[in-house]
Amino acid sequence: MGAVNNAPCIVVNNKKVLGIYNQSHPNEENMQKVIPKVQDWFKVKAVELGWDELKFSGGQCILENHLKK
């Protein structure tokens, strides 16, 4: 997951979501599933990086950027 770019929408698959979470929590046991704890943390980080909206579908996350004209 990176800072907002010019893409209005990206999909982050479950492996990537888990990879980002686990990399950011090296002193914890690696998560194997995208559970609410992972989703909540991912949402906070996405907003901090400037994403306007996100939703989870299964283990993947859809990030949306409402581009201002």
Protein backbone atom coordinates (compact mmCIF):
# COMPACT_ATOMS: atom_id res chain seq x y z
CA MET A 1 0.00 0.00 0.00
CA GLY A 2 1.46 3.31 -0.94
CA ALA A 3 0.48 6.90 -0.77
CA VAL A 4 -2.38 8.01 -2.96
CA ASN A 5 -1.46 8.28 -6.60
CA ASN A 6 -3.47 9.17 -9.68
CA ALA A 7 -5.26 5.81 -9.70
CA PRO A 8 -8.89 6.23 -8.65
CA CYS A 9 -9.07 2.66 -7.33
CA ILE A 10 -6.74 -0.21 -6.51
CA VAL A 11 -7.35 -3.69 -5.17
CA VAL A 12 -4.93 -5.07 -2.59
CA ASN A 13 -5.15 -8.86 -2.45
CA ASN A 14 -5.22 -10.75 0.83
CA LYS A 15 -1.57 -11.83 0.61
CA LYS A 16 -0.49 -8.21 0.20
CA VAL A 17 -2.74 -7.03 3.06
CA LEU A 18 -1.24 -9.70 5.33
CA GLY A 19 2.29 -8.95 4.14
CA ILE A 20 1.94 -5.25 4.91
CA TYR A 21 0.40 -5.96 8.31
CA ASN A 22 2.99 -8.57 9.29
CA GLN A 23 5.89 -6.40 8.12
CA SER A 24 4.59 -3.56 10.29
CA HIS A 25 4.25 -5.85 13.33
CA PRO A 26 7.56 -7.75 13.44
CA ASN A 27 7.33 -8.51 17.17
CA GLU A 28 3.94 -10.20 16.88
CA GLU A 29 2.98 -13.59 15.53
CA ASN A 30 2.38 -13.46 11.77
CA MET A 31 -1.29 -13.24 10.87
CA GLN A 32 -2.51 -15.90 8.47
CA LYS A 33 -6.00 -14.50 7.83
CA VAL A 34 -7.41 -11.03 7.28
CA ILE A 35 -9.36 -10.80 10.54
CA PRO A 36 -11.05 -7.64 11.90
CA LYS A 37 -7.87 -6.68 13.81
CA VAL A 38 -5.93 -6.61 10.52
CA GLN A 39 -8.74 -4.80 8.69
CA ASP A 40 -9.00 -2.10 11.36
CA TRP A 41 -5.25 -1.46 11.32
CA PHE A 42 -5.17 -1.44 7.49
CA LYS A 43 -8.03 1.09 7.37
CA VAL A 44 -6.22 3.49 9.71
CA LYS A 45 -3.01 3.28 7.67
CA ALA A 46 -4.85 3.77 4.37
CA VAL A 47 -6.53 6.93 5.65
CA GLU A 48 -3.17 8.20 6.96
CA LEU A 49 -1.77 7.72 3.45
CA GLY A 50 -4.58 9.75 1.92
CA TRP A 51 -7.05 7.16 0.62
CA ASP A 52 -10.60 8.50 0.71
CA GLU A 53 -12.55 5.28 1.03
CA LEU A 54 -11.89 1.60 1.42
CA LYS A 55 -13.81 -1.59 1.85
CA PHE A 56 -12.95 -5.20 2.34
CA SER A 57 -14.37 -7.97 0.21
CA GLY A 58 -13.26 -11.23 1.71
CA GLY A 59 -9.57 -10.77 2.46
CA GLN A 60 -8.88 -8.20 -0.22
CA CYS A 61 -9.14 -4.46 0.20
CA ILE A 62 -10.48 -1.99 -2.35
CA LEU A 63 -8.95 1.46 -1.94
CA GLU A 64 -10.62 4.43 -3.62
CA ASN A 65 -9.38 7.92 -4.27
CA HIS A 66 -12.04 10.52 -5.06
CA LEU A 67 -9.94 12.63 -7.39
CA LYS A 68 -10.51 16.32 -6.99
CA LYS A 69 -10.77 18.31 -10.21
